[in-house]
Amino acid sequence: MNVNIQTVHFEADNKLVDYVNKKLSRLDTFHDRIVKVEVYLKLDNVVHTIKDKIAEIKVHVPRQDYFVKCSSKSFEESFDKAMGSLINLIKRKKDKQAA
């Protein structure tokens, strides 16, 4: 699984990058054919005041892509919400394919 983490309008510290990588390593338990994961961490700027932190996760699987986006007051919380949504999405798609 190839992981690409990109930050927009800021520079992520090692602690945040390690946190994201650790959480992403769990994805293999839900889908075994994940090729690539792209994570975008963004600051939501509203007229020069930073409002929210946005986490977007894009997962590439053969013949299918998954995308989730969440925002909150911290990157960790945004990423956790996005991971939860992504895991639910993957489980639903796999259940639908199995049926």
Protein backbone atom coordinates (compact mmCIF):
# COMPACT_ATOMS: atom_id res chain seq x y z
CA MET A 1 0.00 0.00 0.00
CA ASN A 2 1.46 3.30 -1.16
CA VAL A 3 0.68 6.23 1.19
CA ASN A 4 0.96 9.86 0.12
CA ILE A 5 0.34 12.63 2.67
CA GLN A 6 0.02 16.19 1.39
CA THR A 7 -0.46 19.34 3.40
CA VAL A 8 -1.97 22.52 2.02
CA HIS A 9 -1.04 25.97 3.41
CA PHE A 10 1.03 24.58 6.31
CA GLU A 11 3.88 22.19 7.15
CA ALA A 12 2.93 19.07 9.15
CA ASP A 13 5.13 18.01 12.04
CA ASN A 14 6.43 14.45 12.40
CA LYS A 15 3.96 13.68 15.20
CA LEU A 16 0.97 14.35 12.91
CA VAL A 17 2.48 12.36 10.03
CA ASP A 18 3.23 9.40 12.33
CA TYR A 19 -0.32 9.57 13.71
CA VAL A 20 -1.81 9.44 10.19
CA ASN A 21 0.47 6.59 9.08
CA LYS A 22 -0.33 4.55 12.19
CA LYS A 23 -4.08 4.92 11.65
CA LEU A 24 -3.81 4.13 7.93
CA SER A 25 -2.01 0.86 8.63
CA ARG A 26 -5.35 -0.46 9.98
CA LEU A 27 -6.95 -0.20 6.53
CA ASP A 28 -5.40 -3.50 5.42
CA THR A 29 -7.72 -5.35 7.80
CA PHE A 30 -10.80 -4.03 5.97
CA HIS A 31 -9.67 -4.38 2.34
CA ASP A 32 -6.76 -6.49 1.12
CA ARG A 33 -6.34 -4.96 -2.36
CA ILE A 34 -5.64 -1.32 -1.51
CA VAL A 35 -3.13 0.06 -4.01
CA LYS A 36 -2.73 3.68 -2.98
CA VAL A 37 -3.94 6.04 -0.24
CA GLU A 38 -3.82 9.82 -0.59
CA VAL A 39 -4.34 12.04 2.44
CA TYR A 40 -4.84 15.79 2.14
CA LEU A 41 -4.65 17.92 5.28
CA LYS A 42 -5.88 21.46 4.69
CA LEU A 43 -6.55 24.63 6.62
CA ASP A 44 -9.98 26.13 5.89
CA ASN A 45 -9.23 29.84 5.56
CA VAL A 46 -12.15 32.24 5.72
CA VAL A 47 -10.95 35.80 5.08
CA HIS A 48 -7.52 35.31 6.69
CA THR A 49 -8.88 33.63 9.83
CA ILE A 50 -8.29 29.92 10.20
CA LYS A 51 -11.62 28.30 10.87
CA ASP A 52 -11.36 24.52 10.61
CA LYS A 53 -8.89 21.76 9.82
CA ILE A 54 -9.94 19.51 6.93
CA ALA A 55 -8.86 15.91 6.34
CA GLU A 56 -9.55 14.24 2.99
CA ILE A 57 -8.75 10.59 2.36
CA LYS A 58 -8.74 9.02 -1.10
CA VAL A 59 -8.29 5.24 -1.35
CA HIS A 60 -7.55 3.56 -4.69
CA VAL A 61 -8.61 -0.06 -5.10
CA PRO A 62 -8.67 -1.89 -8.47
CA ARG A 63 -11.82 -0.78 -10.34
CA GLN A 64 -12.96 1.44 -7.45
CA ASP A 65 -12.04 4.58 -5.50
CA TYR A 66 -13.24 5.73 -2.09
CA PHE A 67 -13.24 9.36 -0.96
CA VAL A 68 -14.17 10.94 2.38
CA LYS A 69 -13.79 14.45 3.74
CA CYS A 70 -14.28 15.70 7.30
CA SER A 71 -13.54 18.92 9.16
CA SER A 72 -13.22 19.90 12.82
CA LYS A 73 -11.08 22.01 15.13
CA SER A 74 -8.05 19.66 15.07
CA PHE A 75 -6.40 17.52 12.39
CA GLU A 76 -6.47 14.43 14.59
CA GLU A 77 -10.22 14.71 15.16
CA SER A 78 -10.88 15.42 11.46
CA PHE A 79 -8.75 12.46 10.42
CA ASP A 80 -10.41 10.13 12.95
CA LYS A 81 -13.88 11.10 11.68
CA ALA A 82 -12.77 10.59 8.07
CA MET A 83 -11.25 7.17 8.91
CA GLY A 84 -14.48 6.08 10.60
CA SER A 85 -16.51 7.12 7.57
CA LEU A 86 -14.05 5.43 5.21
CA ILE A 87 -14.14 2.14 7.14
CA ASN A 88 -17.96 2.17 7.11
CA LEU A 89 -17.94 2.90 3.37
CA ILE A 90 -15.54 0.03 2.62
CA LYS A 91 -17.56 -2.39 4.76
CA ARG A 92 -20.83 -1.42 3.04
CA LYS A 93 -19.33 -1.83 -0.45
CA LYS A 94 -17.83 -5.23 0.43
CA ASP A 95 -21.15 -6.42 1.92
CA LYS A 96 -22.97 -5.26 -1.21
CA GLN A 97 -20.49 -7.11 -3.48
CA ALA A 98 -20.75 -10.29 -1.37
CA ALA A 99 -24.55 -10.30 -1.59
